[in-house]
PDB file of N, CA and C in Angstrom:
ATOM      1  N   MET A   1       0.785  -1.109   0.071  1.00  0.00           N
ATOM      2  CA  MET A   1       0.059  -0.300   0.044  1.00  0.00           C
ATOM      3  C   MET A   1       0.705   1.305  -0.155  1.00  0.00           C
ATOM      4  N   ASN A   2       2.008   1.109   0.566  1.00  0.00           N
ATOM      5  CA  ASN A   2       2.812   2.365   0.534  1.00  0.00           C
ATOM      6  C   ASN A   2       3.339   2.873  -0.471  1.00  0.00           C
ATOM      7  N   ASN A   3       3.540   1.703  -1.453  1.00  0.00           N
ATOM      8  CA  ASN A   3       3.955   1.761  -2.668  1.00  0.00           C
ATOM      9  C   ASN A   3       3.125   2.592  -3.775  1.00  0.00           C
ATOM     10  N   LEU A   4       1.936   2.373  -3.519  1.00  0.00           N
ATOM     11  CA  LEU A   4       0.767   3.116  -4.374  1.00  0.00           C
ATOM     12  C   LEU A   4       0.570   4.111  -3.867  1.00  0.00           C
ATOM     13  N   LEU A   5       0.792   4.688  -2.257  1.00  0.00           N
ATOM     14  CA  LEU A   5       0.650   5.866  -1.965  1.00  0.00           C
ATOM     15  C   LEU A   5       1.836   6.978  -2.801  1.00  0.00           C
ATOM     16  N   ASN A   6       2.961   6.444  -2.732  1.00  0.00           N
ATOM     17  CA  ASN A   6       4.013   6.838  -3.041  1.00  0.00           C
ATOM     18  C   ASN A   6       3.853   7.003  -4.539  1.00  0.00           C
ATOM     19  N   VAL A   7       3.675   6.277  -5.427  1.00  0.00           N
ATOM     20  CA  VAL A   7       3.452   6.396  -6.714  1.00  0.00           C
ATOM     21  C   VAL A   7       2.269   7.761  -6.986  1.00  0.00           C
ATOM     22  N   GLY A   8       1.122   7.593  -6.558  1.00  0.00           N
ATOM     23  CA  GLY A   8       0.347   8.630  -6.422  1.00  0.00           C
ATOM     24  C   GLY A   8       1.064  10.362  -6.204  1.00  0.00           C
ATOM     25  N   TYR A   9       1.695  10.249  -4.911  1.00  0.00           N
ATOM     26  CA  TYR A   9       2.286  11.391  -4.288  1.00  0.00           C
ATOM     27  C   TYR A   9       3.299  11.926  -5.143  1.00  0.00           C
ATOM     28  N   LYS A  10       3.946  11.093  -6.209  1.00  0.00           N
ATOM     29  CA  LYS A  10       5.128  11.412  -7.085  1.00  0.00           C
ATOM     30  C   LYS A  10       4.274  11.993  -8.454  1.00  0.00           C
ATOM     31  N   ARG A  11       2.945  11.477  -8.681  1.00  0.00           N
ATOM     32  CA  ARG A  11       2.013  12.041  -9.766  1.00  0.00           C
ATOM     33  C   ARG A  11       2.078  13.463  -9.530  1.00  0.00           C
ATOM     34  N   ASP A  12       1.318  13.699  -8.371  1.00  0.00           N
ATOM     35  CA  ASP A  12       0.928  14.905  -7.920  1.00  0.00           C
ATOM     36  C   ASP A  12       1.837  15.866  -7.798  1.00  0.00           C
ATOM     37  N   LEU A  13       3.229  15.341  -7.524  1.00  0.00           N
ATOM     38  CA  LEU A  13       4.333  16.057  -7.619  1.00  0.00           C
ATOM     39  C   LEU A  13       4.987  16.838  -8.783  1.00  0.00           C
ATOM     40  N   VAL A  14       4.720  16.001  -9.846  1.00  0.00           N
ATOM     41  CA  VAL A  14       5.115  16.173 -11.349  1.00  0.00           C
ATOM     42  C   VAL A  14       3.986  17.514 -11.660  1.00  0.00           C
ATOM     43  N   GLN A  15       2.734  17.018 -11.238  1.00  0.00           N
ATOM     44  CA  GLN A  15       1.831  18.010 -11.497  1.00  0.00           C
ATOM     45  C   GLN A  15       1.971  19.562 -11.112  1.00  0.00           C
ATOM     46  N   ARG A  16       2.222  19.705  -9.644  1.00  0.00           N
ATOM     47  CA  ARG A  16       2.427  20.574  -8.872  1.00  0.00           C
ATOM     48  C   ARG A  16       3.923  21.392  -9.484  1.00  0.00           C
ATOM     49  N   TYR A  17       4.566  20.463 -10.082  1.00  0.00           N
ATOM     50  CA  TYR A  17       5.879  21.121 -10.370  1.00  0.00           C
ATOM     51  C   TYR A  17       5.590  21.528 -11.876  1.00  0.00           C
ATOM     52  N   ASP A  18       5.007  21.143 -12.515  1.00  0.00           N
ATOM     53  CA  ASP A  18       4.518  21.902 -13.772  1.00  0.00           C
ATOM     54  C   ASP A  18       3.589  23.024 -14.043  1.00  0.00           C
ATOM     55  N   GLN A  19       2.585  23.122 -12.831  1.00  0.00           N
ATOM     56  CA  GLN A  19       2.226  24.379 -12.306  1.00  0.00           C
ATOM     57  C   GLN A  19       3.122  25.537 -11.979  1.00  0.00           C
ATOM     58  N   GLU A  20       3.793  25.168 -11.014  1.00  0.00           N
ATOM     59  CA  GLU A  20       4.752  26.134 -10.515  1.00  0.00           C
ATOM     60  C   GLU A  20       5.221  26.631 -11.639  1.00  0.00           C
ATOM     61  N   ALA A  21       5.742  26.060 -12.687  1.00  0.00           N
ATOM     62  CA  ALA A  21       6.732  26.222 -13.555  1.00  0.00           C
ATOM     63  C   ALA A  21       5.911  27.390 -14.704  1.00  0.00           C
ATOM     64  N   GLN A  22       4.590  27.023 -14.964  1.00  0.00           N
ATOM     65  CA  GLN A  22       3.851  27.910 -15.540  1.00  0.00           C
ATOM     66  C   GLN A  22       3.590  29.144 -15.101  1.00  0.00           C
ATOM     67  N   THR A  23       3.293  29.145 -13.984  1.00  0.00           N
ATOM     68  CA  THR A  23       2.866  30.272 -12.843  1.00  0.00           C
ATOM     69  C   THR A  23       3.896  31.104 -12.726  1.00  0.00           C
ATOM     70  N   LEU A  24       5.314  30.547 -12.564  1.00  0.00           N
ATOM     71  CA  LEU A  24       6.662  31.422 -12.549  1.00  0.00           C
ATOM     72  C   LEU A  24       6.694  32.104 -14.029  1.00  0.00           C
ATOM     73  N   ALA A  25       6.826  31.629 -15.001  1.00  0.00           N
ATOM     74  CA  ALA A  25       6.860  32.023 -16.495  1.00  0.00           C
ATOM     75  C   ALA A  25       5.991  33.163 -16.568  1.00  0.00           C
ATOM     76  N   ASN A  26       4.613  32.664 -16.223  1.00  0.00           N
ATOM     77  CA  ASN A  26       3.860  33.960 -16.353  1.00  0.00           C
ATOM     78  C   ASN A  26       4.009  35.038 -15.554  1.00  0.00           C
ATOM     79  N   LEU A  27       4.481  34.973 -14.583  1.00  0.00           N
ATOM     80  CA  LEU A  27       4.728  36.122 -13.754  1.00  0.00           C
ATOM     81  C   LEU A  27       6.236  37.081 -14.035  1.00  0.00           C
ATOM     82  N   THR A  28       7.019  36.024 -14.398  1.00  0.00           N
ATOM     83  CA  THR A  28       8.266  36.926 -14.821  1.00  0.00           C
ATOM     84  C   THR A  28       8.645  36.972 -16.232  1.00  0.00           C
ATOM     85  N   GLY A  29       8.030  36.157 -17.205  1.00  0.00           N
ATOM     86  CA  GLY A  29       8.335  36.441 -18.320  1.00  0.00           C
ATOM     87  C   GLY A  29       9.682  35.187 -19.128  1.00  0.00           C
ATOM     88  N   TRP A  30      10.014  34.769 -17.915  1.00  0.00           N
ATOM     89  CA  TRP A  30      11.215  33.820 -18.365  1.00  0.00           C
ATOM     90  C   TRP A  30      10.895  32.366 -19.161  1.00  0.00           C
ATOM     91  N   SER A  31      11.324  31.931 -19.936  1.00  0.00           N
ATOM     92  CA  SER A  31      11.267  30.823 -20.631  1.00  0.00           C
ATOM     93  C   SER A  31      10.863  29.774 -19.974  1.00  0.00           C
ATOM     94  N   LEU A  32       9.580  29.065 -20.080  1.00  0.00           N
ATOM     95  CA  LEU A  32       9.634  27.775 -19.347  1.00  0.00           C
ATOM     96  C   LEU A  32      10.439  26.963 -20.060  1.00  0.00           C
ATOM     97  N   GLU A  33      10.986  26.521 -20.860  1.00  0.00           N
ATOM     98  CA  GLU A  33      11.805  25.320 -21.140  1.00  0.00           C
ATOM     99  C   GLU A  33      13.160  25.792 -19.827  1.00  0.00           C
ATOM    100  N   ASP A  34      13.258  26.940 -19.710  1.00  0.00           N
ATOM    101  CA  ASP A  34      14.492  26.926 -18.823  1.00  0.00           C
ATOM    102  C   ASP A  34      14.355  26.777 -17.410  1.00  0.00           C
ATOM    103  N   ILE A  35      13.057  27.213 -16.933  1.00  0.00           N
ATOM    104  CA  ILE A  35      12.533  26.743 -15.728  1.00  0.00           C
ATOM    105  C   ILE A  35      12.375  25.376 -15.357  1.00  0.00           C
ATOM    106  N   ARG A  36      11.816  24.726 -16.300  1.00  0.00           N
ATOM    107  CA  ARG A  36      11.830  23.333 -16.420  1.00  0.00           C
ATOM    108  C   ARG A  36      13.041  22.401 -16.382  1.00  0.00           C
ATOM    109  N   ARG A  37      13.710  23.068 -17.063  1.00  0.00           N
ATOM    110  CA  ARG A  37      15.166  22.494 -16.993  1.00  0.00           C
ATOM    111  C   ARG A  37      16.122  22.385 -15.733  1.00  0.00           C
ATOM    112  N   LYS A  38      15.756  23.668 -14.870  1.00  0.00           N
ATOM    113  CA  LYS A  38      16.356  23.855 -13.861  1.00  0.00           C
ATOM    114  C   LYS A  38      15.324  23.267 -12.425  1.00  0.00           C
ATOM    115  N   GLN A  39      14.374  22.738 -12.930  1.00  0.00           N
ATOM    116  CA  GLN A  39      13.408  22.031 -11.948  1.00  0.00           C
ATOM    117  C   GLN A  39      14.375  20.579 -11.733  1.00  0.00           C
ATOM    118  N   PRO A  40      13.966  20.110 -10.111  1.00  0.00           N
ATOM    119  CA  PRO A  40      14.423  18.788  -9.809  1.00  0.00           C
ATOM    120  C   PRO A  40      13.479  17.531 -10.582  1.00  0.00           C
ATOM    121  N   THR A  41      14.014  16.427 -10.912  1.00  0.00           N
ATOM    122  CA  THR A  41      13.123  15.728 -11.846  1.00  0.00           C
ATOM    123  C   THR A  41      12.598  14.561 -10.735  1.00  0.00           C
ATOM    124  N   VAL A  42      11.532  14.231 -11.015  1.00  0.00           N
ATOM    125  CA  VAL A  42      10.703  13.267 -10.421  1.00  0.00           C
ATOM    126  C   VAL A  42      10.506  12.318 -11.120  1.00  0.00           C
ATOM    127  N   GLU A  43      10.914  10.856 -10.771  1.00  0.00           N
ATOM    128  CA  GLU A  43      11.009   9.606 -11.433  1.00  0.00           C
ATOM    129  C   GLU A  43       9.505   8.749 -10.949  1.00  0.00           C
ATOM    130  N   VAL A  44       8.542   8.504 -11.981  1.00  0.00           N
ATOM    131  CA  VAL A  44       7.434   8.118 -11.542  1.00  0.00           C
ATOM    132  C   VAL A  44       7.274   6.478 -12.024  1.00  0.00           C
ATOM    133  N   GLN A  45       7.048   5.827 -11.418  1.00  0.00           N
ATOM    134  CA  GLN A  45       6.721   4.298 -11.950  1.00  0.00           C
ATOM    135  C   GLN A  45       5.509   4.309 -12.255  1.00  0.00           C
ATOM    136  N   THR A  46       5.552   3.641 -13.652  1.00  0.00           N
ATOM    137  CA  THR A  46       3.909   3.403 -14.521  1.00  0.00           C
ATOM    138  C   THR A  46       3.054   2.328 -13.624  1.00  0.00           C
ATOM    139  N   GLN A  47       4.021   1.328 -13.359  1.00  0.00           N
ATOM    140  CA  GLN A  47       3.158   0.154 -12.532  1.00  0.00           C
ATOM    141  C   GLN A  47       3.817   0.116 -11.265  1.00  0.00           C
ATOM    142  N   PRO A  48       3.030   0.048 -10.206  1.00  0.00           N
ATOM    143  CA  PRO A  48       3.438  -0.152  -8.762  1.00  0.00           C
ATOM    144  C   PRO A  48       3.900  -1.846  -8.849  1.00  0.00           C
ATOM    145  N   GLU A  49       4.827  -1.702  -7.882  1.00  0.00           N
ATOM    146  CA  GLU A  49       5.528  -3.088  -7.842  1.00  0.00           C
ATOM    147  C   GLU A  49       4.514  -3.920  -7.371  1.00  0.00           C
ATOM    148  N   GLU A  50       4.469  -5.201  -8.043  1.00  0.00           N
ATOM    149  CA  GLU A  50       3.424  -6.561  -7.422  1.00  0.00           C
ATOM    150  C   GLU A  50       3.889  -7.075  -6.085  1.00  0.00           C
ATOM    151  N   LEU A  51       2.642  -7.192  -5.403  1.00  0.00           N
ATOM    152  CA  LEU A  51       2.973  -7.565  -4.189  1.00  0.00           C
ATOM    153  C   LEU A  51       2.993  -9.138  -4.382  1.00  0.00           C
ATOM    154  N   PRO A  52       3.585 -10.090  -3.300  1.00  0.00           N
ATOM    155  CA  PRO A  52       4.245 -11.304  -3.410  1.00  0.00           C
ATOM    156  C   PRO A  52       2.733 -11.946  -3.297  1.00  0.00           C
ATOM    157  N   TRP A  53       2.518 -13.295  -3.869  1.00  0.00           N
ATOM    158  CA  TRP A  53       1.190 -13.757  -3.968  1.00  0.00           C
ATOM    159  C   TRP A  53       0.720 -14.170  -1.904  1.00  0.00           C
ATOM    160  N   TRP A  54       1.449 -14.138  -1.611  1.00  0.00           N
ATOM    161  CA  TRP A  54       1.005 -14.516  -0.084  1.00  0.00           C
ATOM    162  C   TRP A  54       0.485 -13.163   0.663  1.00  0.00           C
ATOM    163  N   ARG A  55       1.099 -12.083   0.334  1.00  0.00           N
ATOM    164  CA  ARG A  55       0.431 -10.801   0.670  1.00  0.00           C
ATOM    165  C   ARG A  55      -0.941 -10.688   0.425  1.00  0.00           C
ATOM    166  N   ASN A  56      -1.201 -11.028  -1.232  1.00  0.00           N
ATOM    167  CA  ASN A  56      -2.641 -11.176  -1.711  1.00  0.00           C
ATOM    168  C   ASN A  56      -3.378 -11.835  -0.575  1.00  0.00           C
ATOM    169  N   LEU A  57      -2.927 -13.113  -0.534  1.00  0.00           N
ATOM    170  CA  LEU A  57      -3.558 -13.861   0.315  1.00  0.00           C
ATOM    171  C   LEU A  57      -4.069 -13.707   1.587  1.00  0.00           C
ATOM    172  N   TRP A  58      -2.933 -13.163   2.337  1.00  0.00           N
ATOM    173  CA  TRP A  58      -3.431 -12.395   3.781  1.00  0.00           C
ATOM    174  C   TRP A  58      -4.141 -11.441   4.014  1.00  0.00           C
ATOM    175  N   GLY A  59      -3.701 -10.625   3.134  1.00  0.00           N
ATOM    176  CA  GLY A  59      -4.858  -9.329   2.791  1.00  0.00           C
ATOM    177  C   GLY A  59      -6.326  -9.719   2.706  1.00  0.00           C
ATOM    178  N   SER A  60      -6.507 -10.804   1.992  1.00  0.00           N
ATOM    179  CA  SER A  60      -8.132 -11.035   1.573  1.00  0.00           C
ATOM    180  C   SER A  60      -8.367 -11.631   2.837  1.00  0.00           C
ATOM    181  N   VAL A  61      -7.628 -12.578   3.666  1.00  0.00           N
ATOM    182  CA  VAL A  61      -7.967 -13.254   4.718  1.00  0.00           C
ATOM    183  C   VAL A  61      -8.466 -12.169   6.013  1.00  0.00           C
ATOM    184  N   ARG A  62      -7.722 -11.253   6.205  1.00  0.00           N
ATOM    185  CA  ARG A  62      -7.747 -10.378   7.087  1.00  0.00           C
ATOM    186  C   ARG A  62      -8.933  -9.579   6.742  1.00  0.00           C
ATOM    187  N   THR A  63      -9.340  -9.126   5.408  1.00  0.00           N
ATOM    188  CA  THR A  63     -10.415  -8.668   5.225  1.00  0.00           C
ATOM    189  C   THR A  63     -11.720  -9.492   5.588  1.00  0.00           C
ATOM    190  N   ASN A  64     -11.725 -10.610   5.011  1.00  0.00           N
ATOM    191  CA  ASN A  64     -12.719 -11.681   5.665  1.00  0.00           C
ATOM    192  C   ASN A  64     -12.852 -11.775   6.896  1.00  0.00           C
ATOM    193  N   VAL A  65     -12.261 -11.640   7.955  1.00  0.00           N
ATOM    194  CA  VAL A  65     -12.284 -11.521   9.213  1.00  0.00           C
ATOM    195  C   VAL A  65     -12.823 -10.668   9.637  1.00  0.00           C
ATOM    196  N   ASN A  66     -12.418  -9.331   9.226  1.00  0.00           N
ATOM    197  CA  ASN A  66     -12.785  -7.911   9.897  1.00  0.00           C
ATOM    198  C   ASN A  66     -14.204  -7.927   9.463  1.00  0.00           C
ATOM    199  N   GLN A  67     -14.614  -8.612   8.266  1.00  0.00           N
ATOM    200  CA  GLN A  67     -16.275  -8.579   7.756  1.00  0.00           C
ATOM    201  C   GLN A  67     -17.026  -9.213   9.010  1.00  0.00           C
ATOM    202  N   TRP A  68     -16.490 -10.441   9.144  1.00  0.00           N
ATOM    203  CA  TRP A  68     -16.954 -11.444  10.570  1.00  0.00           C
ATOM    204  C   TRP A  68     -17.052 -10.624  11.448  1.00  0.00           C
ATOM    205  N   TRP A  69     -16.129  -9.704  11.985  1.00  0.00           N
ATOM    206  CA  TRP A  69     -16.264  -9.261  13.307  1.00  0.00           C
ATOM    207  C   TRP A  69     -17.127  -7.861  13.313  1.00  0.00           C
ATOM    208  N   SER A  70     -17.767  -7.400  12.410  1.00  0.00           N
ATOM    209  CA  SER A  70     -18.252  -6.528  12.033  1.00  0.00           C
ATOM    210  C   SER A  70     -19.898  -6.598  12.437  1.00  0.00           C
TER     211      SER A  70
END
């Protein structure tokens, strides 16, 4: 689950950097390409890492047990 959150965070970060670059270019008149070149790069995985089969098994068992006790 942490990996999925990390992927989502990085995607949001890329969007935020893009918006900040556009705002800075509009306010200052600087070249958008120059601003983007100087920004930090963020690597985003296209696919989250696969969980081992046994994690999926125990995750589903835990969900079923929680449903029994609800």
